[in-house]
Amino acid sequence: MIMKKILIAYLIISLVVIAGFLGYKAFQKISSSHQPSASESFEETVRKPAAAGQFYPSGKKDLETQIDGFLSSVQLPETKGQIIALIVPHAGYQFSGQTAAFGFKELINQQIDTVIIISNSHQERFEGISVFEQGYFETPLGRVKIDSDLAKALIKENERIFYKESAHEKEHSLEVQLPFLQRVLSSFKIVPILFGNSSSQDYQILAQALLNNIKGKNVLLIASSDLSHYFPYQEAKEMDLETIDLILNNKIDQINNACGKDAIKTLMLVTQELGVDKIELLNYANSGDVSQGDKSRVVGYAAIGFYGERRGNLLTREEQENLLDIAKSSVEDYVKNGVVPEFETENHYLNQKIGAFVTLKKQGQLRGCIGMFSPTEIPLYEVVSQMAISAATKDTRFSPVKKEELAELDYEISVLSPMEKIDNWQDIVLGKHGVLIKYLMQSGVFLPQVATDNNWSLETFLEQLCYQKVGMEKDCYKRNDVEIYVFTAQVFD
């Protein structure tokens, strides 16, 4: 009888243990599905390529080779001002890639924080406008981060602006622009936007939302659109040239023969308010112009550039050259004669009280670098003059510049944005952000280009900053009592 009771008790305990184990495994499964790890959460936010292997090559090397081939075939006239916006086609690269390259060639050596890519949906019809809210878009060339702050700000502007995941899943018109951008820009975020094709007035809503959120920011607008569809070659060409003429002459309401017409209209409304003073056709072609094209049913493509005096608060090329002349003259006058020259300018942007660094190089090697953050008393052009002299004579890593060296010096200026404190070092964008690390009375700074000039990873960049500049252990950037600030810079030489 006792043995029977013991056996029953053993069975009950065994069942309890098994049930507990199964319950634990079920809880693990539920927990992992609702509370993913950082890596799992990251994976879930990635919009995978939908057009690779169809609209463009799926292999990284093949894709790079094709895009570089398109770009190398483009010869553009002299700069027309700052590029503010582009209209580019979105067909398969074998048909429209060469035309698109005329637009993207304009972006080489440009520094752009965010690219806003707009098109009309080809895969799904829906009410309103879908803005991809957060995460990443992926192509064979890597991942591009969504500017979630700007995307969410747009969504808050109007109830017709929201995020509809299914609208973006298979849409090619935004995706095909990314590989080109990845080849011509070193660091940027994106805001992908799709019209649902349900209202002819939605473009006005989006244009106003954009204007409320991008003025003064370093953004580029792209309208992704082909022109006429499936008309005979000559008829299509006549229709397309008429549409292009409407665009060049800002006749927004008459634009109809384009699949991305709402995107084009949005771009045109916004650029009117951003000070665009020139619109130029960069290239026109249609699918009948390529060897495999059928001239009986063609699709039209155009690359059109929108130009203004400046994008965001960036300095124009003329202003950059002015500052470089000031830096060079300041160093030469001081080294030769011991005189600090005086300069004057009425230019508003050169009179802004913003910081700058001046870097001197000799035969490609650093010869001095000193800068100033957030001046309160002196304007930018004076900051450049003073920092140029300091870089030549007061950088303690080097002896003062001698007269015989002056002819060998190259000058680089970094005009700085205001500092922004961050809580997570992983939010630093390599090549875009300069970094200041501060601990009590110790501090050190690296400009954004230090990372790219040395081909450093983010960890190496921060380790060297901690060790070389702050004078602390290499992993000081991971400490909770260390403050990290980031800034951007417009760099020119």
Protein backbone atom coordinates (compact mmCIF):
# COMPACT_ATOMS: atom_id res chain seq x y z
CA MET A 1 0.00 0.00 0.00
CA ILE A 2 2.86 2.33 0.88
CA MET A 3 4.67 1.50 -2.33
CA LYS A 4 1.50 2.27 -4.30
CA LYS A 5 1.22 5.71 -2.67
CA ILE A 6 4.88 6.41 -3.37
CA LEU A 7 4.43 5.45 -7.01
CA ILE A 8 1.38 7.71 -7.38
CA ALA A 9 3.21 10.59 -5.74
CA TYR A 10 6.19 10.05 -8.09
CA LEU A 11 3.88 10.13 -11.11
CA ILE A 12 2.20 13.32 -9.92
CA ILE A 13 5.56 15.06 -9.36
CA SER A 14 6.77 13.92 -12.78
CA LEU A 15 3.65 15.30 -14.45
CA VAL A 16 4.07 18.61 -12.62
CA VAL A 17 7.71 18.88 -13.73
CA ILE A 18 6.84 18.05 -17.36
CA ALA A 19 3.97 20.52 -17.37
CA GLY A 20 6.19 23.18 -15.87
CA PHE A 21 8.86 22.56 -18.50
CA LEU A 22 6.36 22.72 -21.34
CA GLY A 23 4.83 25.85 -19.86
CA TYR A 24 8.27 27.43 -19.60
CA LYS A 25 9.06 26.61 -23.23
CA ALA A 26 5.73 28.05 -24.31
CA PHE A 27 6.41 31.18 -22.27
CA GLN A 28 9.84 31.43 -23.89
CA LYS A 29 8.24 31.23 -27.32
CA ILE A 30 5.62 33.84 -26.48
CA SER A 31 8.18 36.12 -24.84
CA SER A 32 10.58 35.90 -27.73
CA SER A 33 7.81 36.74 -30.20
CA HIS A 34 6.67 39.77 -28.22
CA GLN A 35 10.02 40.91 -26.87
CA PRO A 36 12.61 40.26 -29.58
CA SER A 37 16.28 40.71 -28.98
CA ALA A 38 18.02 43.75 -30.41
CA SER A 39 19.22 41.78 -33.42
CA GLU A 40 15.82 40.19 -34.04
CA SER A 41 14.10 43.56 -33.73
CA PHE A 42 16.61 45.01 -36.19
CA GLU A 43 15.88 42.21 -38.67
CA GLU A 44 12.15 42.82 -38.43
CA THR A 45 12.53 46.46 -39.44
CA VAL A 46 14.40 45.72 -42.68
CA ARG A 47 12.48 46.06 -45.94
CA LYS A 48 14.15 43.46 -48.15
CA PRO A 49 14.81 44.03 -51.88
CA ALA A 50 11.81 43.34 -54.10
CA ALA A 51 13.23 44.49 -57.44
CA ALA A 52 16.73 42.97 -57.33
CA GLY A 53 17.26 40.51 -60.17
CA GLN A 54 14.41 42.06 -62.16
CA PHE A 55 14.93 45.82 -62.40
CA TYR A 56 18.64 45.73 -61.56
CA PRO A 57 21.33 43.08 -60.92
CA SER A 58 21.05 41.10 -57.69
CA GLY A 59 24.81 40.67 -57.31
CA LYS A 60 26.75 43.43 -55.52
CA LYS A 61 29.67 43.48 -57.93
CA ASP A 62 27.51 43.35 -61.06
CA LEU A 63 25.32 46.14 -59.71
CA GLU A 64 28.27 48.38 -58.85
CA THR A 65 29.83 47.79 -62.26
CA GLN A 66 26.62 48.62 -64.10
CA ILE A 67 25.95 51.82 -62.14
CA ASP A 68 29.56 53.00 -62.40
CA GLY A 69 29.40 52.38 -66.14
CA PHE A 70 26.29 54.55 -66.44
CA LEU A 71 27.86 57.34 -64.37
CA SER A 72 31.16 57.30 -66.24
CA SER A 73 29.29 57.89 -69.51
CA VAL A 74 27.80 61.16 -68.25
CA GLN A 75 29.46 64.49 -68.93
CA LEU A 76 27.61 67.34 -67.25
CA PRO A 77 28.01 71.06 -67.94
CA GLU A 78 29.28 73.45 -65.27
CA THR A 79 27.54 73.57 -61.91
CA LYS A 80 24.27 75.47 -62.00
CA GLY A 81 23.97 76.05 -58.25
CA GLN A 82 23.05 73.76 -55.39
CA ILE A 83 21.03 70.72 -56.42
CA ILE A 84 17.74 70.86 -54.51
CA ALA A 85 15.68 68.17 -56.20
CA LEU A 86 15.64 65.61 -59.02
CA ILE A 87 13.13 63.88 -61.23
CA VAL A 88 14.50 60.50 -62.34
CA PRO A 89 12.94 57.41 -63.98
CA HIS A 90 12.34 54.06 -62.32
CA ALA A 91 12.23 51.40 -65.05
CA GLY A 92 14.64 48.50 -65.36
CA TYR A 93 18.22 49.71 -65.46
CA GLN A 94 18.73 48.29 -68.95
CA PHE A 95 16.10 50.74 -70.18
CA SER A 96 16.29 53.84 -67.94
CA GLY A 97 19.53 53.47 -66.00
CA GLN A 98 21.57 55.67 -68.32
CA THR A 99 19.02 58.49 -68.13
CA ALA A 100 18.84 58.19 -64.33
CA ALA A 101 22.64 58.49 -64.18
CA PHE A 102 22.43 62.03 -65.56
CA GLY A 103 20.53 63.01 -62.43
CA PHE A 104 22.58 61.05 -59.91
CA LYS A 105 25.87 62.29 -61.36
CA GLU A 106 24.88 65.70 -59.95
CA LEU A 107 25.13 64.25 -56.43
CA ILE A 108 28.76 63.12 -56.53
CA ASN A 109 30.78 64.86 -53.79
CA GLN A 110 27.58 66.25 -52.28
CA GLN A 111 26.88 66.02 -48.55
CA ILE A 112 23.20 65.28 -47.99
CA ASP A 113 21.64 64.26 -44.69
CA THR A 114 18.31 62.89 -45.92
CA VAL A 115 16.92 61.97 -49.34
CA ILE A 116 13.12 62.09 -49.61
CA ILE A 117 12.02 59.73 -52.39
CA ILE A 118 8.44 60.10 -53.61
CA SER A 119 6.44 58.11 -56.15
CA ASN A 120 2.96 56.89 -56.98
CA SER A 121 2.17 53.32 -56.00
CA HIS A 122 2.29 50.77 -58.83
CA GLN A 123 1.29 47.72 -56.76
CA GLU A 124 -1.59 48.77 -54.53
CA ARG A 125 -4.31 51.41 -54.63
CA PHE A 126 -5.20 52.96 -51.27
CA GLU A 127 -6.51 56.13 -49.69
CA GLY A 128 -3.91 58.72 -48.76
CA ILE A 129 -0.12 58.74 -48.61
CA SER A 130 2.12 56.06 -47.09
CA VAL A 131 5.39 57.15 -45.44
CA PHE A 132 7.75 54.32 -44.48
CA GLU A 133 8.10 55.09 -40.79
CA GLN A 134 11.26 53.48 -39.41
CA GLY A 135 13.88 50.81 -39.96
CA TYR A 136 15.92 50.15 -43.08
CA PHE A 137 15.67 49.54 -46.81
CA GLU A 138 18.06 46.91 -48.10
CA THR A 139 19.68 46.48 -51.52
CA PRO A 140 22.59 44.28 -52.65
CA LEU A 141 24.82 47.25 -51.73
CA GLY A 142 23.73 47.27 -48.08
CA ARG A 143 21.14 48.88 -45.85
CA VAL A 144 19.94 52.48 -45.80
CA LYS A 145 18.40 53.84 -42.62
CA ILE A 146 15.05 55.57 -42.52
CA ASP A 147 15.06 59.11 -41.12
CA SER A 148 12.42 58.12 -38.60
CA ASP A 149 12.26 61.56 -36.96
CA LEU A 150 11.32 63.24 -40.23
CA ALA A 151 9.04 60.37 -41.30
CA LYS A 152 7.08 60.50 -38.04
CA ALA A 153 6.89 64.29 -38.21
CA LEU A 154 5.27 64.04 -41.65
CA ILE A 155 2.79 61.45 -40.42
CA LYS A 156 1.71 63.79 -37.63
CA GLU A 157 0.93 66.55 -40.11
CA ASN A 158 -2.27 65.13 -41.61
CA GLU A 159 -4.57 62.14 -41.14
CA ARG A 160 -4.12 61.24 -44.82
CA ILE A 161 -0.42 60.62 -44.18
CA PHE A 162 0.34 57.31 -42.44
CA TYR A 163 2.39 54.14 -42.74
CA LYS A 164 0.88 51.28 -44.79
CA GLU A 165 3.34 48.39 -44.79
CA SER A 166 1.77 46.41 -47.64
CA ALA A 167 2.07 49.37 -50.02
CA HIS A 168 5.87 49.23 -49.78
CA GLU A 169 6.47 45.46 -49.81
CA LYS A 170 6.72 44.93 -53.58
CA GLU A 171 6.96 48.50 -54.86
CA HIS A 172 9.95 49.03 -57.16
CA SER A 173 9.74 52.77 -57.87
CA LEU A 174 11.43 53.83 -54.62
CA GLU A 175 13.81 50.90 -54.33
CA VAL A 176 15.48 51.30 -57.72
CA GLN A 177 16.77 54.75 -56.74
CA LEU A 178 18.71 53.43 -53.75
CA PRO A 179 21.64 51.65 -55.46
CA PHE A 180 22.42 54.83 -57.40
CA LEU A 181 22.30 56.86 -54.18
CA GLN A 182 24.53 54.32 -52.43
CA ARG A 183 27.18 54.73 -55.13
CA VAL A 184 27.24 58.54 -55.20
CA LEU A 185 26.64 59.52 -51.54
CA SER A 186 28.80 58.48 -48.62
CA SER A 187 26.25 58.81 -45.81
CA PHE A 188 22.54 59.55 -45.90
CA LYS A 189 19.12 58.56 -44.60
CA ILE A 190 15.92 58.24 -46.59
CA VAL A 191 12.20 58.91 -46.28
CA PRO A 192 10.30 56.70 -48.77
CA ILE A 193 6.82 58.01 -49.67
CA LEU A 194 4.06 56.51 -51.84
CA PHE A 195 0.83 58.03 -53.09
CA GLY A 196 -2.16 55.68 -53.06
CA ASN A 197 -3.60 57.24 -56.27
CA SER A 198 -6.97 57.90 -54.65
CA SER A 199 -7.10 61.72 -54.64
CA SER A 200 -5.79 64.31 -57.04
CA GLN A 201 -5.31 66.73 -54.13
CA ASP A 202 -3.06 64.61 -51.91
CA TYR A 203 0.06 66.12 -53.44
CA GLN A 204 -0.88 69.49 -51.94
CA ILE A 205 -1.21 67.89 -48.50
CA LEU A 206 2.19 66.23 -48.76
CA ALA A 207 3.85 69.38 -50.12
CA GLN A 208 2.65 71.41 -47.15
CA ALA A 209 3.74 68.71 -44.70
CA LEU A 210 7.20 68.69 -46.25
CA LEU A 211 7.51 72.47 -46.17
CA ASN A 212 6.55 72.48 -42.50
CA ASN A 213 9.40 70.10 -41.69
CA ILE A 214 12.36 70.48 -44.07
CA LYS A 215 13.07 74.19 -44.37
CA GLY A 216 16.61 74.90 -43.26
CA LYS A 217 17.57 71.21 -43.38
CA ASN A 218 20.05 69.49 -45.66
CA VAL A 219 17.61 67.33 -47.61
CA LEU A 220 17.26 66.36 -51.26
CA LEU A 221 13.91 65.62 -52.91
CA ILE A 222 13.54 62.93 -55.58
CA ALA A 223 10.40 62.38 -57.62
CA SER A 224 10.58 58.87 -59.07
CA SER A 225 8.59 58.83 -62.29
CA ASP A 226 8.57 57.58 -65.86
CA LEU A 227 6.74 59.61 -68.52
CA SER A 228 4.34 58.36 -71.22
CA HIS A 229 3.57 54.62 -71.45
CA TYR A 230 3.20 52.34 -74.47
CA PHE A 231 2.75 54.79 -77.34
CA PRO A 232 4.63 54.51 -80.66
CA TYR A 233 8.12 56.03 -80.56
CA GLN A 234 7.50 59.36 -82.27
CA GLU A 235 4.13 59.98 -80.64
CA ALA A 236 5.59 59.18 -77.22
CA LYS A 237 8.51 61.52 -77.80
CA GLU A 238 6.19 64.41 -78.67
CA MET A 239 4.05 63.77 -75.59
CA ASP A 240 7.09 63.52 -73.33
CA LEU A 241 8.70 66.70 -74.61
CA GLU A 242 5.42 68.49 -73.94
CA THR A 243 5.38 67.15 -70.35
CA ILE A 244 9.01 68.18 -69.88
CA ASP A 245 8.20 71.67 -71.14
CA LEU A 246 5.39 71.91 -68.56
CA ILE A 247 7.82 70.95 -65.82
CA LEU A 248 10.53 73.36 -66.96
CA ASN A 249 7.98 76.16 -66.99
CA ASN A 250 6.39 75.27 -63.62
CA LYS A 251 2.93 74.52 -65.05
CA ILE A 252 2.03 72.10 -62.27
CA ASP A 253 -1.70 71.68 -62.87
CA GLN A 254 -1.24 70.57 -66.50
CA ILE A 255 1.07 67.62 -65.79
CA ASN A 256 -0.74 64.35 -66.48
CA ASN A 257 1.33 62.08 -68.76
CA ALA A 258 3.59 60.64 -66.06
CA CYS A 259 3.05 57.64 -63.80
CA GLY A 260 4.52 59.57 -60.87
CA LYS A 261 2.62 62.76 -61.57
CA ASP A 262 1.67 63.35 -57.92
CA ALA A 263 5.32 62.95 -56.91
CA ILE A 264 6.37 65.44 -59.60
CA LYS A 265 3.70 67.95 -58.57
CA THR A 266 4.71 67.64 -54.90
CA LEU A 267 8.35 68.24 -55.73
CA MET A 268 7.50 71.26 -57.86
CA LEU A 269 5.29 72.85 -55.18
CA VAL A 270 7.96 72.36 -52.52
CA THR A 271 10.86 73.62 -54.63
CA GLN A 272 8.97 76.80 -55.47
CA GLU A 273 9.11 77.63 -51.75
CA LEU A 274 12.73 76.53 -51.32
CA GLY A 275 14.14 79.18 -53.61
CA VAL A 276 14.73 77.11 -56.74
CA ASP A 277 15.63 79.49 -59.54
CA LYS A 278 16.55 77.07 -62.31
CA ILE A 279 15.02 73.84 -63.65
CA GLU A 280 17.03 72.01 -66.28
CA LEU A 281 16.55 68.94 -68.45
CA LEU A 282 19.63 66.76 -67.98
CA ASN A 283 18.63 63.92 -70.30
CA TYR A 284 15.66 62.49 -72.17
CA ALA A 285 15.26 59.05 -73.76
CA ASN A 286 12.69 56.29 -74.07
CA SER A 287 12.78 52.51 -74.11
CA GLY A 288 12.91 52.54 -77.90
CA ASP A 289 16.37 54.12 -77.75
CA VAL A 290 18.05 51.00 -76.34
CA SER A 291 19.02 48.03 -78.51
CA GLN A 292 16.39 45.70 -77.01
CA GLY A 293 13.64 48.33 -77.11
CA ASP A 294 10.40 47.95 -79.06
CA LYS A 295 9.70 51.22 -80.89
CA SER A 296 6.01 50.37 -81.34
CA ARG A 297 5.31 50.59 -77.56
CA VAL A 298 7.76 52.76 -75.62
CA VAL A 299 8.05 54.26 -72.14
CA GLY A 300 9.54 57.73 -71.71
CA TYR A 301 12.30 58.71 -69.25
CA ALA A 302 13.69 62.07 -68.16
CA ALA A 303 16.28 63.30 -65.66
CA ILE A 304 15.50 66.85 -64.55
CA GLY A 305 17.42 68.92 -62.01
CA PHE A 306 16.13 71.69 -59.75
CA TYR A 307 18.74 74.20 -58.58
CA GLY A 308 18.89 77.05 -56.10
CA GLU A 309 21.41 79.23 -54.34
CA ARG A 310 21.74 76.80 -51.45
CA ARG A 311 20.30 73.58 -50.00
CA GLY A 312 19.34 74.00 -46.36
CA ASN A 313 21.92 76.28 -44.75
CA LEU A 314 24.87 75.05 -46.81
CA LEU A 315 27.42 77.50 -48.14
CA THR A 316 27.56 78.04 -51.88
CA ARG A 317 30.70 77.29 -53.87
CA GLU A 318 31.44 81.00 -54.11
CA GLU A 319 31.19 81.36 -50.32
CA GLN A 320 33.42 78.32 -49.84
CA GLU A 321 36.05 79.82 -52.14
CA ASN A 322 35.83 83.11 -50.25
CA LEU A 323 36.54 81.37 -46.94
CA LEU A 324 39.41 79.36 -48.43
CA ASP A 325 40.97 82.60 -49.73
CA ILE A 326 40.62 84.11 -46.24
CA ALA A 327 42.32 81.09 -44.65
CA LYS A 328 45.21 81.13 -47.14
CA SER A 329 45.74 84.90 -46.98
CA SER A 330 45.62 84.85 -43.18
CA VAL A 331 48.32 82.20 -42.89
CA GLU A 332 50.58 83.74 -45.51
CA ASP A 333 50.36 87.29 -44.13
CA TYR A 334 50.99 86.12 -40.59
CA VAL A 335 53.88 83.77 -41.39
CA LYS A 336 55.60 86.24 -43.74
CA ASN A 337 54.94 89.52 -41.94
CA GLY A 338 53.57 88.72 -38.49
CA VAL A 339 50.40 90.57 -39.43
CA VAL A 340 46.80 89.41 -38.86
CA PRO A 341 44.93 90.69 -41.92
CA GLU A 342 41.49 92.28 -41.68
CA PHE A 343 38.53 91.19 -43.79
CA GLU A 344 35.02 92.50 -44.32
CA THR A 345 31.94 91.03 -45.96
CA GLU A 346 28.25 91.81 -46.01
CA ASN A 347 27.35 88.23 -46.89
CA HIS A 348 24.74 87.04 -44.37
CA TYR A 349 25.96 83.44 -44.24
CA LEU A 350 29.60 84.37 -43.73
CA ASN A 351 28.53 86.66 -40.89
CA GLN A 352 26.73 83.89 -39.01
CA LYS A 353 28.18 83.11 -35.58
CA ILE A 354 28.95 79.45 -36.22
CA GLY A 355 32.03 77.36 -35.54
CA ALA A 356 34.66 76.06 -37.93
CA PHE A 357 37.89 74.08 -38.05
CA VAL A 358 40.76 74.81 -40.41
CA THR A 359 43.01 71.92 -41.42
CA LEU A 360 46.39 72.37 -43.09
CA LYS A 361 48.01 69.58 -45.08
CA LYS A 362 51.43 69.31 -46.67
CA GLN A 363 51.93 66.71 -49.40
CA GLY A 364 48.76 64.99 -48.19
CA GLN A 365 49.92 64.80 -44.57
CA LEU A 366 48.38 66.68 -41.64
CA ARG A 367 50.32 69.88 -40.84
CA GLY A 368 47.94 71.47 -38.34
CA CYS A 369 44.27 71.54 -37.34
CA ILE A 370 42.54 73.84 -34.87
CA GLY A 371 38.93 74.97 -34.60
CA MET A 372 36.29 76.72 -32.55
CA PHE A 373 32.81 75.59 -31.55
CA SER A 374 29.84 77.95 -31.19
CA PRO A 375 31.47 81.40 -31.15
CA THR A 376 29.35 84.06 -29.48
CA GLU A 377 31.19 87.21 -30.56
CA ILE A 378 32.89 86.75 -33.94
CA PRO A 379 31.39 85.80 -37.32
CA LEU A 380 32.33 82.76 -39.39
CA TYR A 381 34.78 84.53 -41.70
CA GLU A 382 36.77 85.79 -38.69
CA VAL A 383 36.67 82.34 -37.08
CA VAL A 384 38.23 80.93 -40.25
CA SER A 385 40.95 83.60 -40.28
CA GLN A 386 41.87 83.07 -36.62
CA MET A 387 41.74 79.27 -36.77
CA ALA A 388 43.87 79.19 -39.92
CA ILE A 389 46.61 81.16 -38.18
CA SER A 390 46.28 78.97 -35.07
CA ALA A 391 46.51 75.78 -37.14
CA ALA A 392 49.71 77.09 -38.72
CA THR A 393 51.37 78.33 -35.53
CA LYS A 394 49.74 76.92 -32.38
CA ASP A 395 49.01 73.25 -33.00
CA THR A 396 51.30 71.72 -30.35
CA ARG A 397 51.74 68.55 -32.38
CA PHE A 398 53.77 70.45 -34.97
CA SER A 399 56.38 73.17 -35.18
CA PRO A 400 55.09 76.50 -36.57
CA VAL A 401 54.77 76.71 -40.35
CA LYS A 402 57.81 78.31 -42.03
CA LYS A 403 57.82 80.68 -45.01
CA GLU A 404 59.34 78.08 -47.34
CA GLU A 405 56.44 75.70 -46.62
CA LEU A 406 53.65 78.07 -47.64
CA ALA A 407 53.60 77.08 -51.30
CA GLU A 408 53.14 73.43 -50.33
CA LEU A 409 50.14 73.88 -48.04
CA ASP A 410 46.61 72.73 -48.84
CA TYR A 411 43.66 74.16 -46.91
CA GLU A 412 40.50 72.40 -45.73
CA ILE A 413 37.66 74.08 -43.86
CA SER A 414 34.94 72.35 -41.84
CA VAL A 415 31.95 74.56 -41.04
CA LEU A 416 30.15 73.06 -38.06
CA SER A 417 26.55 72.51 -37.06
CA PRO A 418 25.45 73.04 -33.42
CA MET A 419 26.37 70.26 -30.96
CA GLU A 420 23.77 67.63 -30.06
CA LYS A 421 24.15 65.39 -26.99
CA ILE A 422 23.38 61.68 -27.54
CA ASP A 423 22.78 58.86 -25.07
CA ASN A 424 23.94 55.93 -27.20
CA TRP A 425 27.27 55.87 -29.05
CA GLN A 426 25.72 53.50 -31.62
CA ASP A 427 23.63 56.43 -32.88
CA ILE A 428 26.79 57.96 -34.38
CA VAL A 429 26.83 57.80 -38.18
CA LEU A 430 30.36 57.14 -39.38
CA GLY A 431 31.60 59.70 -41.90
CA LYS A 432 28.69 62.04 -41.19
CA HIS A 433 29.07 62.87 -37.50
CA GLY A 434 31.96 64.57 -35.80
CA VAL A 435 32.19 63.59 -32.14
CA LEU A 436 33.12 65.39 -28.93
CA ILE A 437 33.72 63.25 -25.86
CA LYS A 438 33.75 64.98 -22.50
CA TYR A 439 34.59 63.74 -19.00
CA LEU A 440 34.82 66.32 -16.21
CA MET A 441 37.55 68.73 -17.38
CA GLN A 442 38.87 66.39 -20.09
CA SER A 443 37.57 66.48 -23.65
CA GLY A 444 38.52 65.62 -27.19
CA VAL A 445 37.04 65.97 -30.65
CA PHE A 446 37.34 64.34 -34.05
CA LEU A 447 35.90 65.83 -37.23
CA PRO A 448 33.67 63.58 -39.39
CA GLN A 449 36.32 63.13 -42.08
CA VAL A 450 38.84 61.64 -39.64
CA ALA A 451 37.05 58.30 -39.81
CA THR A 452 36.87 58.16 -43.60
CA ASP A 453 40.41 59.52 -44.10
CA ASN A 454 41.79 56.67 -41.95
CA ASN A 455 39.29 54.01 -43.10
CA TRP A 456 38.32 53.38 -39.46
CA SER A 457 35.35 51.46 -38.12
CA LEU A 458 33.07 53.25 -35.67
CA GLU A 459 34.68 51.44 -32.73
CA THR A 460 38.21 52.35 -33.87
CA PHE A 461 37.14 55.96 -34.45
CA LEU A 462 35.86 56.22 -30.88
CA GLU A 463 38.75 54.28 -29.35
CA GLN A 464 41.27 56.60 -30.96
CA LEU A 465 39.28 59.63 -29.85
CA CYS A 466 39.25 58.39 -26.24
CA TYR A 467 42.93 57.51 -26.22
CA GLN A 468 44.51 60.19 -28.41
CA LYS A 469 42.33 63.20 -27.66
CA VAL A 470 40.61 62.71 -24.30
CA GLY A 471 43.55 60.89 -22.69
CA MET A 472 41.44 58.07 -21.28
CA GLU A 473 41.11 54.32 -21.78
CA LYS A 474 40.13 53.29 -25.30
CA ASP A 475 36.61 52.17 -24.38
CA CYS A 476 35.80 55.36 -22.44
CA TYR A 477 32.94 56.04 -24.85
CA LYS A 478 31.01 53.15 -23.26
CA ARG A 479 31.09 54.67 -19.77
CA ASN A 480 27.89 56.10 -18.30
CA ASP A 481 29.70 59.09 -16.80
CA VAL A 482 31.12 60.21 -20.15
CA GLU A 483 29.18 62.73 -22.25
CA ILE A 484 29.05 62.29 -26.04
CA TYR A 485 28.11 65.08 -28.44
CA VAL A 486 27.75 64.86 -32.21
CA PHE A 487 27.79 67.47 -34.94
CA THR A 488 27.93 67.58 -38.73
CA ALA A 489 30.27 69.58 -40.91
CA GLN A 490 30.27 71.02 -44.40
CA VAL A 491 33.79 70.19 -45.51
CA PHE A 492 35.53 71.77 -48.50
CA ASP A 493 39.10 72.30 -49.69
